[in-house]
Amino acid sequence: MKKLEHVNYRGFILPVVVGLILWLMAPIKPAAVPVAGWHMFALFVGTIIACITRPLPIGGVSIVAFALTVLTKTVPMDKAIVGFGNASIWMIAMAFFIARGFIKTGLGRRIALNFVKAFGKRTLGLAYSLIGVDLILAPATPSNTARAGGVLYPIIKSLSQSFGSDPKNGTQRKIGSFLIFAEYHGDMITAAMFMTAMAANPLVQTLAKGCGVNITWGGWFLAALVPGIISLIIVPWLIYKMYPPEIKETPNAKQSAEKQLTEMGPMSVAEKIMAVIFVLALILWMTGSFIGIDATLAAFIALALLLLTGVLS
């Protein structure tokens, strides 16, 4: 018998209490704020608190908040769903599913371990290798949080602990803190380099389009390429000088990566398919403006192929 999914009901207490208090304060709200606006504010604050207390994953919290917003007639359904008619929103959603393929197949982890194996002899090189993985995954991962936290953080944690660097023991300055700082800043840079590297980027495209400025995926990439590459080269080096790790040489990193790659075995069929479809998506995004394929359509094509080949269900 399947068990029910865990729900942290205690996590609902604070957001519900705060939301209700704000909702009931409508009679003493500022005169310039309409009642519906104040109710929206109450729902918004309650939702943010729920994202912190985590009674459900953030996606679940958002769905509940959406339902309450329409149920209380704060926003009518036709206006509540109008944003989902935006092509950029759909591109974000499709790219999230594509990113799931990297995690499910293990391709993202394999790429990261190969980079560590090739460039991880020194601590600075190790940082550059991890950021290099972030750069490769960025075009098809529209969440820099998922990229850094879902793919790279487990590897950084494993590497740090293998060198005896753990905040629990007060040894984070050995290597762990430096790698986290370097990857965090590298992740911010890669998030700005590709239109599909961060959920907010397509929104910027939409706002620009409303002002008569049409930004294509390729145009964004070409504009961000030079400052992005320069930043990726300089920033990790600056962090290395300003916040130096105690361990400068990391010969064990290569051995650890080789061991994990051996445990993973040769590339699976799913990984190979994922790699091919990822490259295809990149090509379509870069050449779409020339061959008449919209960036959102390219994302739909990539996801359809992942479903048809069985990489994703």
Protein backbone atom coordinates (compact mmCIF):
# COMPACT_ATOMS: atom_id res chain seq x y z
CA MET A 1 0.00 0.00 0.00
CA LYS A 2 1.36 3.40 -0.99
CA LYS A 3 1.81 5.93 1.79
CA LEU A 4 0.48 9.47 1.62
CA GLU A 5 2.98 12.19 0.87
CA HIS A 6 4.17 14.09 3.92
CA VAL A 7 2.49 17.44 4.62
CA ASN A 8 3.91 19.72 7.32
CA TYR A 9 0.59 21.00 8.64
CA ARG A 10 2.29 23.04 11.38
CA GLY A 11 3.94 25.04 8.64
CA PHE A 12 0.50 26.41 7.69
CA ILE A 13 -0.15 27.99 11.10
CA LEU A 14 2.00 31.14 10.81
CA PRO A 15 1.14 32.05 7.19
CA VAL A 16 -2.58 31.50 7.79
CA VAL A 17 -2.59 33.56 11.02
CA VAL A 18 -0.61 36.44 9.51
CA GLY A 19 -2.64 36.35 6.30
CA LEU A 20 -5.96 36.44 8.20
CA ILE A 21 -4.82 39.30 10.44
CA LEU A 22 -3.82 41.38 7.43
CA TRP A 23 -7.04 40.42 5.60
CA LEU A 24 -9.18 41.56 8.56
CA MET A 25 -7.25 44.84 8.79
CA ALA A 26 -8.88 45.99 5.53
CA PRO A 27 -11.12 48.55 7.34
CA ILE A 28 -8.01 50.44 8.56
CA LYS A 29 -5.97 50.11 5.36
CA PRO A 30 -4.49 53.21 3.65
CA ALA A 31 -7.23 55.09 1.78
CA ALA A 32 -5.31 54.95 -1.50
CA VAL A 33 -5.26 51.14 -1.51
CA PRO A 34 -8.44 49.42 -2.82
CA VAL A 35 -9.93 46.54 -0.83
CA ALA A 36 -8.98 44.00 -3.51
CA GLY A 37 -5.43 45.31 -3.47
CA TRP A 38 -5.22 44.95 0.31
CA HIS A 39 -6.59 41.41 0.15
CA MET A 40 -3.99 40.61 -2.53
CA PHE A 41 -1.34 41.98 -0.19
CA ALA A 42 -2.56 39.70 2.63
CA LEU A 43 -2.49 36.64 0.36
CA PHE A 44 0.95 37.61 -0.94
CA VAL A 45 2.48 37.99 2.54
CA GLY A 46 0.92 34.70 3.66
CA THR A 47 2.33 32.97 0.59
CA ILE A 48 5.85 34.32 1.17
CA ILE A 49 5.76 33.15 4.79
CA ALA A 50 4.53 29.72 3.64
CA CYS A 51 7.48 29.55 1.24
CA ILE A 52 9.69 29.94 4.34
CA THR A 53 7.83 27.60 6.72
CA ARG A 54 7.44 25.02 3.89
CA PRO A 55 4.20 23.17 4.74
CA LEU A 56 4.46 22.00 1.11
CA PRO A 57 7.15 22.43 -1.54
CA ILE A 58 7.12 25.95 -3.03
CA GLY A 59 5.26 24.74 -6.12
CA GLY A 60 2.48 23.30 -3.93
CA VAL A 61 2.31 26.50 -1.88
CA SER A 62 1.95 28.53 -5.08
CA ILE A 63 -0.92 26.36 -6.33
CA VAL A 64 -2.78 26.69 -3.01
CA ALA A 65 -2.23 30.46 -3.04
CA PHE A 66 -3.48 30.68 -6.64
CA ALA A 67 -6.63 28.74 -5.71
CA LEU A 68 -7.28 30.99 -2.68
CA THR A 69 -6.77 34.13 -4.76
CA VAL A 70 -9.51 33.08 -7.20
CA LEU A 71 -11.74 31.46 -4.54
CA THR A 72 -11.87 34.67 -2.48
CA LYS A 73 -12.68 36.60 -5.69
CA THR A 74 -9.62 38.78 -5.14
CA VAL A 75 -8.73 38.17 -8.78
CA PRO A 76 -11.16 36.65 -11.34
CA MET A 77 -10.06 33.45 -13.08
CA ASP A 78 -9.73 35.03 -16.54
CA LYS A 79 -7.25 37.58 -15.18
CA ALA A 80 -5.48 35.06 -12.94
CA ILE A 81 -4.51 32.82 -15.85
CA VAL A 82 -3.81 35.53 -18.42
CA GLY A 83 -0.05 35.31 -17.83
CA PHE A 84 -0.02 31.68 -18.94
CA GLY A 85 -0.94 32.81 -22.43
CA ASN A 86 2.50 34.40 -22.65
CA ALA A 87 4.98 32.48 -24.82
CA SER A 88 7.86 33.35 -22.48
CA ILE A 89 6.08 31.69 -19.54
CA TRP A 90 5.69 28.51 -21.57
CA MET A 91 9.35 28.62 -22.58
CA ILE A 92 10.33 28.74 -18.89
CA ALA A 93 8.08 25.76 -18.14
CA MET A 94 9.43 23.69 -21.05
CA ALA A 95 13.03 24.48 -20.15
CA PHE A 96 12.38 23.36 -16.56
CA PHE A 97 11.29 19.97 -17.89
CA ILE A 98 14.37 19.78 -20.10
CA ALA A 99 16.52 20.54 -17.04
CA ARG A 100 14.84 17.65 -15.25
CA GLY A 101 16.29 15.37 -17.91
CA PHE A 102 19.85 16.33 -16.89
CA ILE A 103 19.16 15.35 -13.29
CA LYS A 104 17.17 12.19 -14.02
CA THR A 105 19.64 10.72 -16.53
CA GLY A 106 22.68 11.71 -14.48
CA LEU A 107 24.19 13.54 -17.46
CA GLY A 108 24.67 16.74 -15.46
CA ARG A 109 26.61 14.87 -12.76
CA ARG A 110 28.73 13.05 -15.35
CA ILE A 111 29.67 16.32 -17.05
CA ALA A 112 30.63 17.82 -13.69
CA LEU A 113 32.79 14.85 -12.69
CA ASN A 114 34.58 14.88 -16.05
CA PHE A 115 35.40 18.55 -15.60
CA VAL A 116 36.71 17.89 -12.09
CA LYS A 117 38.79 15.01 -13.44
CA ALA A 118 40.30 17.19 -16.17
CA PHE A 119 40.89 20.48 -14.32
CA GLY A 120 40.75 19.66 -10.62
CA LYS A 121 44.46 19.33 -9.73
CA ARG A 122 44.49 22.76 -8.04
CA THR A 123 41.80 24.42 -5.95
CA LEU A 124 41.43 27.38 -8.32
CA GLY A 125 41.23 25.01 -11.29
CA LEU A 126 38.61 23.01 -9.42
CA ALA A 127 36.51 26.17 -8.99
CA TYR A 128 36.84 26.99 -12.69
CA SER A 129 35.84 23.44 -13.63
CA LEU A 130 32.67 23.60 -11.50
CA ILE A 131 31.73 26.98 -12.99
CA GLY A 132 32.42 25.54 -16.44
CA VAL A 133 29.80 22.87 -15.78
CA ASP A 134 27.39 25.60 -14.71
CA LEU A 135 28.10 27.39 -18.00
CA ILE A 136 27.34 24.27 -20.05
CA LEU A 137 24.11 23.49 -18.20
CA ALA A 138 22.89 27.10 -18.06
CA PRO A 139 21.21 27.34 -21.50
CA ALA A 140 18.81 24.48 -20.70
CA THR A 141 18.36 25.09 -16.96
CA PRO A 142 16.09 28.11 -16.38
CA SER A 143 16.68 27.97 -12.63
CA ASN A 144 20.11 28.97 -11.40
CA THR A 145 19.05 27.61 -8.01
CA ALA A 146 18.34 24.17 -9.47
CA ARG A 147 21.62 24.26 -11.36
CA ALA A 148 23.79 25.20 -8.40
CA GLY A 149 21.80 23.39 -5.72
CA GLY A 150 20.60 20.32 -7.60
CA VAL A 151 23.65 19.41 -9.69
CA LEU A 152 26.75 21.17 -8.37
CA TYR A 153 26.20 21.51 -4.62
CA PRO A 154 26.21 17.74 -3.92
CA ILE A 155 29.52 17.47 -5.79
CA ILE A 156 31.03 20.46 -3.96
CA LYS A 157 29.91 19.01 -0.63
CA SER A 158 31.41 15.61 -1.43
CA LEU A 159 34.70 17.13 -2.58
CA SER A 160 34.93 19.41 0.46
CA GLN A 161 34.33 16.58 2.90
CA SER A 162 36.94 14.44 1.15
CA PHE A 163 39.47 17.16 2.06
CA GLY A 164 38.20 17.39 5.65
CA SER A 165 36.40 20.67 5.04
CA ASP A 166 33.08 20.79 6.90
CA PRO A 167 31.35 23.71 8.68
CA LYS A 168 30.18 21.27 11.36
CA ASN A 169 33.83 20.88 12.39
CA GLY A 170 34.77 24.51 11.83
CA THR A 171 37.01 23.57 8.90
CA GLN A 172 35.02 25.21 6.11
CA ARG A 173 37.92 27.54 5.21
CA LYS A 174 40.05 24.60 4.06
CA ILE A 175 38.32 24.50 0.68
CA GLY A 176 34.52 24.31 1.05
CA SER A 177 33.77 28.00 1.61
CA PHE A 178 35.90 29.05 -1.34
CA LEU A 179 34.21 26.58 -3.71
CA ILE A 180 30.75 27.68 -2.55
CA PHE A 181 31.57 31.39 -2.98
CA ALA A 182 33.14 30.80 -6.39
CA GLU A 183 30.23 28.69 -7.67
CA TYR A 184 27.64 31.13 -6.29
CA HIS A 185 29.16 34.07 -8.17
CA GLY A 186 29.77 31.96 -11.28
CA ASP A 187 26.13 30.88 -11.17
CA MET A 188 25.01 34.52 -11.08
CA ILE A 189 27.12 35.26 -14.15
CA THR A 190 25.89 32.30 -16.20
CA ALA A 191 22.31 33.18 -15.23
CA ALA A 192 22.76 36.46 -17.09
CA MET A 193 24.47 34.99 -20.16
CA PHE A 194 21.55 33.04 -21.65
CA MET A 195 17.90 33.93 -22.01
CA THR A 196 16.95 30.46 -20.76
CA ALA A 197 19.45 30.37 -17.85
CA MET A 198 17.15 32.03 -15.32
CA ALA A 199 13.38 32.25 -14.98
CA ALA A 200 13.38 36.06 -14.87
CA ASN A 201 15.18 36.48 -18.21
CA PRO A 202 12.24 35.66 -20.51
CA LEU A 203 10.20 38.14 -18.48
CA VAL A 204 12.75 40.81 -19.35
CA GLN A 205 12.33 39.83 -23.00
CA THR A 206 8.56 40.23 -22.69
CA LEU A 207 8.86 43.66 -21.05
CA ALA A 208 11.30 44.78 -23.74
CA LYS A 209 8.96 43.56 -26.47
CA GLY A 210 6.20 45.70 -24.96
CA CYS A 211 8.48 48.69 -25.52
CA GLY A 212 9.11 47.73 -29.13
CA VAL A 213 12.49 46.03 -28.56
CA ASN A 214 12.66 42.45 -29.85
CA ILE A 215 15.37 40.36 -28.14
CA THR A 216 16.09 36.93 -29.64
CA TRP A 217 17.86 34.07 -27.86
CA GLY A 218 20.87 34.52 -30.13
CA GLY A 219 20.87 38.27 -29.71
CA TRP A 220 20.87 37.95 -25.92
CA PHE A 221 23.72 35.42 -26.08
CA LEU A 222 25.91 37.56 -28.36
CA ALA A 223 25.37 40.65 -26.18
CA ALA A 224 26.25 38.79 -22.98
CA LEU A 225 29.07 36.61 -24.34
CA VAL A 226 32.07 38.94 -23.96
CA PRO A 227 31.24 40.48 -20.55
CA GLY A 228 30.13 37.05 -19.34
CA ILE A 229 33.35 35.25 -20.33
CA ILE A 230 35.51 38.06 -18.91
CA SER A 231 33.58 37.90 -15.62
CA LEU A 232 33.86 34.11 -15.46
CA ILE A 233 37.64 34.40 -15.84
CA ILE A 234 38.24 37.28 -13.43
CA VAL A 235 35.71 36.75 -10.61
CA PRO A 236 36.89 33.28 -9.40
CA TRP A 237 40.50 34.55 -9.40
CA LEU A 238 39.48 37.61 -7.35
CA ILE A 239 37.66 35.41 -4.84
CA TYR A 240 40.74 33.17 -4.66
CA LYS A 241 42.86 36.22 -3.77
CA MET A 242 40.36 37.88 -1.42
CA TYR A 243 39.06 34.74 0.28
CA PRO A 244 41.85 32.17 -0.21
CA PRO A 245 41.32 28.52 0.68
CA GLU A 246 43.77 26.87 3.06
CA ILE A 247 44.26 23.96 0.64
CA LYS A 248 45.81 25.06 -2.66
CA GLU A 249 46.49 21.65 -4.26
CA THR A 250 43.71 19.08 -4.82
CA PRO A 251 45.20 15.90 -6.29
CA ASN A 252 42.55 13.82 -4.51
CA ALA A 253 39.78 15.57 -6.48
CA LYS A 254 40.82 13.87 -9.70
CA GLN A 255 40.95 10.47 -8.00
CA SER A 256 37.55 11.02 -6.38
CA ALA A 257 36.01 12.03 -9.73
CA GLU A 258 37.52 9.01 -11.47
CA LYS A 259 36.15 6.71 -8.77
CA GLN A 260 32.64 8.15 -9.06
CA LEU A 261 32.75 7.97 -12.86
CA THR A 262 33.78 4.32 -12.63
CA GLU A 263 30.83 3.68 -10.32
CA MET A 264 28.50 5.38 -12.81
CA GLY A 265 29.78 3.18 -15.63
CA PRO A 266 29.66 4.08 -19.34
CA MET A 267 27.16 6.62 -20.65
CA SER A 268 23.67 5.16 -20.73
CA VAL A 269 21.37 5.37 -23.75
CA ALA A 270 19.26 7.92 -21.86
CA GLU A 271 22.30 10.15 -21.27
CA LYS A 272 23.31 10.00 -24.93
CA ILE A 273 19.79 10.89 -26.08
CA MET A 274 19.66 13.70 -23.52
CA ALA A 275 22.98 15.08 -24.81
CA VAL A 276 21.86 14.98 -28.46
CA ILE A 277 18.52 16.68 -27.72
CA PHE A 278 20.27 19.31 -25.60
CA VAL A 279 22.63 20.16 -28.48
CA LEU A 280 19.67 20.26 -30.87
CA ALA A 281 17.82 22.66 -28.55
CA LEU A 282 20.90 24.91 -28.41
CA ILE A 283 21.19 24.95 -32.19
CA LEU A 284 17.49 25.82 -32.58
CA TRP A 285 17.73 28.58 -29.96
CA MET A 286 20.80 30.08 -31.60
CA THR A 287 19.56 29.86 -35.20
CA GLY A 288 15.82 30.19 -34.59
CA SER A 289 15.63 33.80 -35.75
CA PHE A 290 17.18 32.78 -39.10
CA ILE A 291 15.17 29.60 -39.77
CA GLY A 292 11.86 30.86 -38.39
CA ILE A 293 11.62 28.72 -35.24
CA ASP A 294 10.61 30.63 -32.11
CA ALA A 295 12.58 29.95 -28.89
CA THR A 296 9.43 28.68 -27.19
CA LEU A 297 8.69 26.30 -30.08
CA ALA A 298 12.28 25.02 -29.87
CA ALA A 299 11.76 24.23 -26.18
CA PHE A 300 8.50 22.42 -27.00
CA ILE A 301 10.29 20.39 -29.70
CA ALA A 302 13.05 19.39 -27.27
CA LEU A 303 10.56 18.33 -24.60
CA ALA A 304 8.48 16.40 -27.13
CA LEU A 305 11.59 14.49 -28.21
CA LEU A 306 12.47 13.71 -24.58
CA LEU A 307 8.97 12.29 -24.09
CA LEU A 308 8.94 10.36 -27.38
CA THR A 309 12.33 8.78 -26.64
CA GLY A 310 11.35 7.86 -23.10
CA VAL A 311 13.95 10.03 -21.36
CA LEU A 312 11.12 11.72 -19.46
CA SER A 313 7.68 10.40 -18.57
